Amino acid sequence: MSEAERAGRSAFDLYRDCVANMMNEFEKVRPAYVQSITNLQQQTMDSIRKLTELALSAQREFIEPMRLPPIPDAWVRGADELNEALVKTTSIANKVVIASIDTATQNIKIATDAFETFARINQNILKGIRSTLTPKGE
């Protein structure tokens, strides 16, 4: 942009360009943010899995020499049922969270569309007001 073009810009043009530049910068780094979050989640899951396996291994080494009697079948069935219920509950909770995120995404789109329509209506109202205030000869 030349000096003459810069000098002729209005305050609004300057403001609009600054906002557009910031939005462009945000858009450029968004993929890196998403990848970083994905990497963090994956590393967290890997670490939890590894630490759980280490803890279980240490517990097994402590308990096995005690030669405890086998767990009764009713307890095994109860533990299996509880585990299955927890897995189902977690699955449902995850689906609810994902549906909530998808709903929020749709709501943002709907709100944006509504605001765009509202802005157009206001622009048309302003044009109508200006046309009635402007003398016919001009």
N, C-alpha and C. Protein backbone atom coordinates (compact mmCIF):
# COMPACT_ATOMS: atom_id res chain seq x y z
N MET A 1 0.85 -1.17 0.00
CA MET A 1 0.00 0.00 0.00
C MET A 1 0.90 1.24 0.00
N SER A 2 0.60 2.18 -0.87
CA SER A 2 1.43 3.37 -1.00
C SER A 2 1.13 4.36 0.12
N GLU A 3 2.00 5.35 0.26
CA GLU A 3 1.80 6.39 1.28
C GLU A 3 0.50 7.15 1.03
N ALA A 4 0.19 7.40 -0.22
CA ALA A 4 -1.03 8.14 -0.55
C ALA A 4 -2.26 7.32 -0.15
N GLU A 5 -2.21 6.01 -0.40
CA GLU A 5 -3.34 5.15 -0.02
C GLU A 5 -3.47 5.07 1.50
N ARG A 6 -2.32 4.99 2.19
CA ARG A 6 -2.35 4.93 3.66
C ARG A 6 -2.91 6.24 4.23
N ALA A 7 -2.49 7.34 3.66
CA ALA A 7 -2.92 8.65 4.18
C ALA A 7 -4.41 8.86 3.96
N GLY A 8 -4.98 8.27 2.91
CA GLY A 8 -6.39 8.49 2.60
C GLY A 8 -7.33 7.53 3.32
N ARG A 9 -6.80 6.66 4.14
CA ARG A 9 -7.68 5.69 4.82
C ARG A 9 -8.42 6.34 5.98
N SER A 10 -9.64 5.92 6.14
CA SER A 10 -10.43 6.43 7.27
C SER A 10 -10.09 5.63 8.53
N ALA A 11 -10.55 6.13 9.65
CA ALA A 11 -10.35 5.43 10.92
C ALA A 11 -10.99 4.04 10.85
N PHE A 12 -12.15 3.97 10.21
CA PHE A 12 -12.82 2.69 10.08
C PHE A 12 -12.00 1.72 9.24
N ASP A 13 -11.43 2.21 8.12
CA ASP A 13 -10.61 1.33 7.27
C ASP A 13 -9.41 0.80 8.04
N LEU A 14 -8.78 1.65 8.82
CA LEU A 14 -7.64 1.24 9.62
C LEU A 14 -8.07 0.18 10.64
N TYR A 15 -9.16 0.43 11.31
CA TYR A 15 -9.69 -0.51 12.30
C TYR A 15 -10.02 -1.86 11.65
N ARG A 16 -10.73 -1.81 10.51
CA ARG A 16 -11.11 -3.03 9.80
C ARG A 16 -9.87 -3.82 9.39
N ASP A 17 -8.84 -3.16 8.87
CA ASP A 17 -7.62 -3.84 8.46
C ASP A 17 -6.91 -4.48 9.65
N CYS A 18 -6.89 -3.79 10.78
CA CYS A 18 -6.24 -4.36 11.98
C CYS A 18 -6.98 -5.61 12.45
N VAL A 19 -8.31 -5.54 12.47
CA VAL A 19 -9.10 -6.71 12.88
C VAL A 19 -8.89 -7.86 11.89
N ALA A 20 -8.91 -7.56 10.61
CA ALA A 20 -8.71 -8.60 9.59
C ALA A 20 -7.33 -9.24 9.73
N ASN A 21 -6.31 -8.43 10.00
CA ASN A 21 -4.96 -8.98 10.18
C ASN A 21 -4.90 -9.91 11.39
N MET A 22 -5.54 -9.52 12.48
CA MET A 22 -5.55 -10.37 13.67
C MET A 22 -6.29 -11.68 13.40
N MET A 23 -7.44 -11.60 12.73
CA MET A 23 -8.20 -12.81 12.41
C MET A 23 -7.38 -13.73 11.50
N ASN A 24 -6.68 -13.16 10.54
CA ASN A 24 -5.83 -13.97 9.66
C ASN A 24 -4.73 -14.67 10.45
N GLU A 25 -4.15 -13.96 11.41
CA GLU A 25 -3.09 -14.55 12.24
C GLU A 25 -3.64 -15.69 13.09
N PHE A 26 -4.83 -15.47 13.67
CA PHE A 26 -5.47 -16.53 14.46
C PHE A 26 -5.72 -17.76 13.58
N GLU A 27 -6.20 -17.52 12.38
CA GLU A 27 -6.52 -18.63 11.47
C GLU A 27 -5.26 -19.40 11.07
N LYS A 28 -4.14 -18.70 10.92
CA LYS A 28 -2.88 -19.37 10.54
C LYS A 28 -2.39 -20.31 11.63
N VAL A 29 -2.54 -19.95 12.90
CA VAL A 29 -1.99 -20.76 13.98
C VAL A 29 -2.97 -21.80 14.51
N ARG A 30 -4.23 -21.73 14.11
CA ARG A 30 -5.23 -22.68 14.60
C ARG A 30 -4.83 -24.13 14.37
N PRO A 31 -4.37 -24.53 13.19
CA PRO A 31 -3.97 -25.93 13.01
C PRO A 31 -2.87 -26.37 13.98
N ALA A 32 -1.94 -25.48 14.28
CA ALA A 32 -0.87 -25.82 15.23
C ALA A 32 -1.43 -26.02 16.63
N TYR A 33 -2.40 -25.18 17.03
CA TYR A 33 -3.05 -25.34 18.33
C TYR A 33 -3.76 -26.69 18.41
N VAL A 34 -4.53 -27.01 17.37
CA VAL A 34 -5.27 -28.27 17.34
C VAL A 34 -4.32 -29.45 17.44
N GLN A 35 -3.22 -29.41 16.69
CA GLN A 35 -2.24 -30.49 16.74
C GLN A 35 -1.60 -30.59 18.11
N SER A 36 -1.27 -29.46 18.72
CA SER A 36 -0.67 -29.47 20.05
C SER A 36 -1.62 -30.07 21.08
N ILE A 37 -2.89 -29.72 21.00
CA ILE A 37 -3.88 -30.28 21.93
C ILE A 37 -4.01 -31.78 21.72
N THR A 38 -4.05 -32.21 20.46
CA THR A 38 -4.13 -33.63 20.15
C THR A 38 -2.91 -34.37 20.69
N ASN A 39 -1.73 -33.79 20.50
CA ASN A 39 -0.50 -34.41 21.02
C ASN A 39 -0.54 -34.51 22.54
N LEU A 40 -1.01 -33.45 23.21
CA LEU A 40 -1.11 -33.46 24.66
C LEU A 40 -2.07 -34.55 25.13
N GLN A 41 -3.22 -34.65 24.49
CA GLN A 41 -4.18 -35.69 24.86
C GLN A 41 -3.59 -37.08 24.67
N GLN A 42 -2.91 -37.30 23.54
CA GLN A 42 -2.33 -38.61 23.27
C GLN A 42 -1.25 -38.94 24.29
N GLN A 43 -0.39 -37.97 24.60
CA GLN A 43 0.67 -38.22 25.58
C GLN A 43 0.08 -38.49 26.96
N THR A 44 -0.98 -37.76 27.31
CA THR A 44 -1.64 -37.98 28.60
C THR A 44 -2.21 -39.39 28.67
N MET A 45 -2.90 -39.83 27.62
CA MET A 45 -3.46 -41.19 27.62
C MET A 45 -2.35 -42.24 27.67
N ASP A 46 -1.28 -42.05 26.91
CA ASP A 46 -0.16 -43.00 26.95
C ASP A 46 0.46 -43.06 28.33
N SER A 47 0.63 -41.91 28.97
CA SER A 47 1.23 -41.86 30.31
C SER A 47 0.32 -42.52 31.33
N ILE A 48 -0.97 -42.25 31.28
CA ILE A 48 -1.92 -42.86 32.21
C ILE A 48 -1.90 -44.38 32.05
N ARG A 49 -1.92 -44.83 30.79
CA ARG A 49 -1.89 -46.28 30.53
C ARG A 49 -0.62 -46.90 31.11
N LYS A 50 0.52 -46.29 30.85
CA LYS A 50 1.81 -46.83 31.31
C LYS A 50 1.89 -46.82 32.84
N LEU A 51 1.50 -45.71 33.45
CA LEU A 51 1.55 -45.61 34.92
C LEU A 51 0.59 -46.60 35.58
N THR A 52 -0.57 -46.81 34.97
CA THR A 52 -1.53 -47.79 35.50
C THR A 52 -0.94 -49.20 35.43
N GLU A 53 -0.33 -49.52 34.28
CA GLU A 53 0.29 -50.84 34.14
C GLU A 53 1.42 -51.04 35.16
N LEU A 54 2.21 -49.99 35.39
CA LEU A 54 3.29 -50.09 36.38
C LEU A 54 2.72 -50.29 37.79
N ALA A 55 1.68 -49.55 38.12
CA ALA A 55 1.07 -49.67 39.45
C ALA A 55 0.47 -51.07 39.63
N LEU A 56 -0.23 -51.57 38.62
CA LEU A 56 -0.81 -52.91 38.71
C LEU A 56 0.27 -53.98 38.84
N SER A 57 1.35 -53.81 38.12
CA SER A 57 2.45 -54.76 38.20
C SER A 57 3.06 -54.77 39.60
N ALA A 58 3.25 -53.61 40.18
CA ALA A 58 3.81 -53.53 41.53
C ALA A 58 2.84 -54.14 42.54
N GLN A 59 1.56 -53.89 42.38
CA GLN A 59 0.57 -54.46 43.28
C GLN A 59 0.54 -55.99 43.17
N ARG A 60 0.63 -56.49 41.93
CA ARG A 60 0.63 -57.94 41.72
C ARG A 60 1.83 -58.58 42.40
N GLU A 61 3.01 -57.97 42.27
CA GLU A 61 4.21 -58.52 42.90
C GLU A 61 4.08 -58.54 44.42
N PHE A 62 3.36 -57.60 44.97
CA PHE A 62 3.16 -57.54 46.42
C PHE A 62 2.14 -58.59 46.88
N ILE A 63 1.04 -58.76 46.13
CA ILE A 63 -0.08 -59.61 46.55
C ILE A 63 0.16 -61.09 46.24
N GLU A 64 0.72 -61.43 45.08
CA GLU A 64 0.84 -62.84 44.68
C GLU A 64 1.56 -63.72 45.69
N PRO A 65 2.64 -63.27 46.32
CA PRO A 65 3.30 -64.16 47.30
C PRO A 65 2.41 -64.51 48.50
N MET A 66 1.34 -63.75 48.72
CA MET A 66 0.47 -64.03 49.86
C MET A 66 -0.43 -65.24 49.63
N ARG A 67 -0.55 -65.69 48.40
CA ARG A 67 -1.37 -66.85 48.05
C ARG A 67 -2.79 -66.74 48.61
N LEU A 68 -3.44 -65.63 48.29
CA LEU A 68 -4.82 -65.41 48.74
C LEU A 68 -5.75 -66.37 48.00
N PRO A 69 -6.87 -66.73 48.64
CA PRO A 69 -7.81 -67.64 47.97
C PRO A 69 -8.45 -66.94 46.76
N PRO A 70 -8.94 -67.71 45.80
CA PRO A 70 -9.59 -67.11 44.62
C PRO A 70 -10.82 -66.30 45.04
N ILE A 71 -11.14 -65.33 44.23
CA ILE A 71 -12.31 -64.48 44.48
C ILE A 71 -13.56 -65.28 44.12
N PRO A 72 -14.59 -65.23 44.96
CA PRO A 72 -15.83 -65.96 44.66
C PRO A 72 -16.44 -65.50 43.34
N ASP A 73 -17.12 -66.43 42.65
CA ASP A 73 -17.71 -66.15 41.35
C ASP A 73 -18.68 -64.96 41.40
N ALA A 74 -19.43 -64.85 42.47
CA ALA A 74 -20.39 -63.74 42.59
C ALA A 74 -19.66 -62.40 42.57
N TRP A 75 -18.51 -62.34 43.22
CA TRP A 75 -17.73 -61.10 43.22
C TRP A 75 -17.18 -60.81 41.82
N VAL A 76 -16.73 -61.84 41.15
CA VAL A 76 -16.20 -61.66 39.79
C VAL A 76 -17.31 -61.13 38.88
N ARG A 77 -18.50 -61.78 38.96
CA ARG A 77 -19.62 -61.31 38.14
C ARG A 77 -19.98 -59.86 38.49
N GLY A 78 -20.00 -59.55 39.79
CA GLY A 78 -20.32 -58.18 40.22
C GLY A 78 -19.30 -57.17 39.70
N ALA A 79 -18.03 -57.54 39.77
CA ALA A 79 -16.98 -56.64 39.27
C ALA A 79 -17.11 -56.46 37.76
N ASP A 80 -17.41 -57.56 37.05
CA ASP A 80 -17.59 -57.47 35.59
C ASP A 80 -18.78 -56.59 35.24
N GLU A 81 -19.88 -56.76 35.98
CA GLU A 81 -21.07 -55.95 35.73
C GLU A 81 -20.81 -54.47 36.03
N LEU A 82 -20.11 -54.22 37.12
CA LEU A 82 -19.78 -52.84 37.47
C LEU A 82 -18.89 -52.22 36.40
N ASN A 83 -17.89 -52.96 35.96
CA ASN A 83 -16.99 -52.46 34.92
C ASN A 83 -17.76 -52.17 33.63
N GLU A 84 -18.65 -53.09 33.27
CA GLU A 84 -19.45 -52.89 32.06
C GLU A 84 -20.33 -51.65 32.19
N ALA A 85 -20.93 -51.46 33.36
CA ALA A 85 -21.78 -50.27 33.59
C ALA A 85 -20.95 -49.00 33.52
N LEU A 86 -19.75 -49.03 34.08
CA LEU A 86 -18.88 -47.84 34.02
C LEU A 86 -18.48 -47.52 32.59
N VAL A 87 -18.18 -48.54 31.81
CA VAL A 87 -17.80 -48.32 30.40
C VAL A 87 -18.98 -47.73 29.64
N LYS A 88 -20.18 -48.28 29.85
CA LYS A 88 -21.37 -47.75 29.16
C LYS A 88 -21.64 -46.31 29.58
N THR A 89 -21.53 -46.04 30.88
CA THR A 89 -21.76 -44.68 31.38
C THR A 89 -20.76 -43.70 30.78
N THR A 90 -19.50 -44.11 30.73
CA THR A 90 -18.46 -43.26 30.14
C THR A 90 -18.75 -43.02 28.66
N SER A 91 -19.16 -44.07 27.95
CA SER A 91 -19.47 -43.94 26.53
C SER A 91 -20.62 -42.95 26.32
N ILE A 92 -21.67 -43.09 27.12
CA ILE A 92 -22.81 -42.17 27.01
C ILE A 92 -22.39 -40.74 27.33
N ALA A 93 -21.60 -40.58 28.39
CA ALA A 93 -21.13 -39.24 28.77
C ALA A 93 -20.31 -38.61 27.64
N ASN A 94 -19.46 -39.42 27.02
CA ASN A 94 -18.65 -38.90 25.90
C ASN A 94 -19.53 -38.49 24.73
N LYS A 95 -20.56 -39.28 24.45
CA LYS A 95 -21.48 -38.93 23.36
C LYS A 95 -22.22 -37.63 23.67
N VAL A 96 -22.60 -37.45 24.94
CA VAL A 96 -23.29 -36.21 25.35
C VAL A 96 -22.36 -35.01 25.18
N VAL A 97 -21.10 -35.15 25.59
CA VAL A 97 -20.14 -34.05 25.45
C VAL A 97 -19.92 -33.71 23.98
N ILE A 98 -19.75 -34.73 23.15
CA ILE A 98 -19.54 -34.49 21.72
C ILE A 98 -20.77 -33.83 21.11
N ALA A 99 -21.96 -34.32 21.46
CA ALA A 99 -23.19 -33.70 20.96
C ALA A 99 -23.31 -32.25 21.43
N SER A 100 -22.89 -31.98 22.65
CA SER A 100 -22.92 -30.61 23.17
C SER A 100 -21.98 -29.70 22.38
N ILE A 101 -20.80 -30.20 22.09
CA ILE A 101 -19.84 -29.41 21.29
C ILE A 101 -20.40 -29.16 19.90
N ASP A 102 -20.98 -30.21 19.29
CA ASP A 102 -21.57 -30.05 17.96
C ASP A 102 -22.73 -29.05 17.99
N THR A 103 -23.53 -29.10 19.06
CA THR A 103 -24.64 -28.16 19.21
C THR A 103 -24.12 -26.73 19.36
N ALA A 104 -23.07 -26.56 20.16
CA ALA A 104 -22.48 -25.23 20.33
C ALA A 104 -21.98 -24.70 18.98
N THR A 105 -21.36 -25.58 18.20
CA THR A 105 -20.87 -25.18 16.87
C THR A 105 -22.03 -24.71 16.00
N GLN A 106 -23.12 -25.47 15.99
CA GLN A 106 -24.29 -25.09 15.20
C GLN A 106 -24.90 -23.79 15.71
N ASN A 107 -24.94 -23.62 17.03
CA ASN A 107 -25.49 -22.39 17.60
C ASN A 107 -24.66 -21.17 17.21
N ILE A 108 -23.35 -21.33 17.16
CA ILE A 108 -22.49 -20.22 16.73
C ILE A 108 -22.79 -19.87 15.28
N LYS A 109 -22.96 -20.89 14.44
CA LYS A 109 -23.30 -20.64 13.03
C LYS A 109 -24.65 -19.94 12.91
N ILE A 110 -25.65 -20.42 13.64
CA ILE A 110 -26.98 -19.81 13.60
C ILE A 110 -26.93 -18.36 14.09
N ALA A 111 -26.20 -18.14 15.19
CA ALA A 111 -26.08 -16.78 15.73
C ALA A 111 -25.38 -15.86 14.73
N THR A 112 -24.36 -16.38 14.07
CA THR A 112 -23.65 -15.58 13.06
C THR A 112 -24.59 -15.22 11.90
N ASP A 113 -25.35 -16.22 11.43
CA ASP A 113 -26.31 -15.96 10.35
C ASP A 113 -27.36 -14.94 10.78
N ALA A 114 -27.85 -15.06 12.02
CA ALA A 114 -28.85 -14.12 12.51
C ALA A 114 -28.27 -12.72 12.62
N PHE A 115 -27.04 -12.61 13.12
CA PHE A 115 -26.41 -11.30 13.24
C PHE A 115 -26.19 -10.69 11.85
N GLU A 116 -25.81 -11.52 10.90
CA GLU A 116 -25.61 -11.03 9.52
C GLU A 116 -26.93 -10.48 8.97
N THR A 117 -28.01 -11.20 9.19
CA THR A 117 -29.33 -10.73 8.74
C THR A 117 -29.72 -9.44 9.44
N PHE A 118 -29.49 -9.40 10.75
CA PHE A 118 -29.80 -8.19 11.53
C PHE A 118 -28.99 -7.00 11.01
N ALA A 119 -27.70 -7.23 10.70
CA ALA A 119 -26.85 -6.15 10.19
C ALA A 119 -27.38 -5.65 8.85
N ARG A 120 -27.80 -6.56 7.97
CA ARG A 120 -28.35 -6.14 6.67
C ARG A 120 -29.62 -5.32 6.85
N ILE A 121 -30.48 -5.75 7.77
CA ILE A 121 -31.71 -5.00 8.04
C ILE A 121 -31.36 -3.59 8.51
N ASN A 122 -30.42 -3.49 9.45
CA ASN A 122 -30.01 -2.18 9.95
C ASN A 122 -29.41 -1.32 8.84
N GLN A 123 -28.62 -1.92 7.96
CA GLN A 123 -28.05 -1.17 6.84
C GLN A 123 -29.16 -0.64 5.94
N ASN A 124 -30.15 -1.47 5.68
CA ASN A 124 -31.27 -1.03 4.85
C ASN A 124 -32.06 0.08 5.53
N ILE A 125 -32.24 -0.02 6.83
CA ILE A 125 -32.93 1.04 7.57
C ILE A 125 -32.15 2.35 7.48
N LEU A 126 -30.82 2.25 7.67
CA LEU A 126 -29.99 3.46 7.58
C LEU A 126 -30.03 4.07 6.19
N LYS A 127 -30.00 3.21 5.16
CA LYS A 127 -30.09 3.72 3.79
C LYS A 127 -31.41 4.43 3.58
N GLY A 128 -32.50 3.85 4.11
CA GLY A 128 -33.82 4.48 3.99
C GLY A 128 -33.87 5.81 4.70
N ILE A 129 -33.29 5.87 5.89
CA ILE A 129 -33.28 7.13 6.64
C ILE A 129 -32.47 8.18 5.90
N ARG A 130 -31.28 7.77 5.38
CA ARG A 130 -30.45 8.73 4.64
C ARG A 130 -31.15 9.23 3.40
N SER A 131 -31.84 8.32 2.72
CA SER A 131 -32.52 8.74 1.48
C SER A 131 -33.66 9.72 1.77
N THR A 132 -34.28 9.59 2.92
CA THR A 132 -35.36 10.53 3.24
C THR A 132 -34.80 11.86 3.73
N LEU A 133 -33.58 11.85 4.27
CA LEU A 133 -32.98 13.10 4.77
C LEU A 133 -32.22 13.85 3.69
N THR A 134 -31.85 13.15 2.63
CA THR A 134 -31.09 13.79 1.56
C THR A 134 -32.08 14.52 0.62
N PRO A 135 -31.79 15.79 0.35
CA PRO A 135 -32.67 16.53 -0.58
C PRO A 135 -32.68 15.85 -1.94
N LYS A 136 -33.79 15.91 -2.60
CA LYS A 136 -34.00 15.22 -3.88
C LYS A 136 -33.06 15.71 -4.97
N GLY A 137 -32.64 16.91 -4.96
CA GLY A 137 -31.80 17.46 -6.01
C GLY A 137 -30.34 17.01 -5.91
N GLU A 138 -29.93 16.44 -4.85
CA GLU A 138 -28.51 16.09 -4.67
C GLU A 138 -28.21 14.73 -5.11
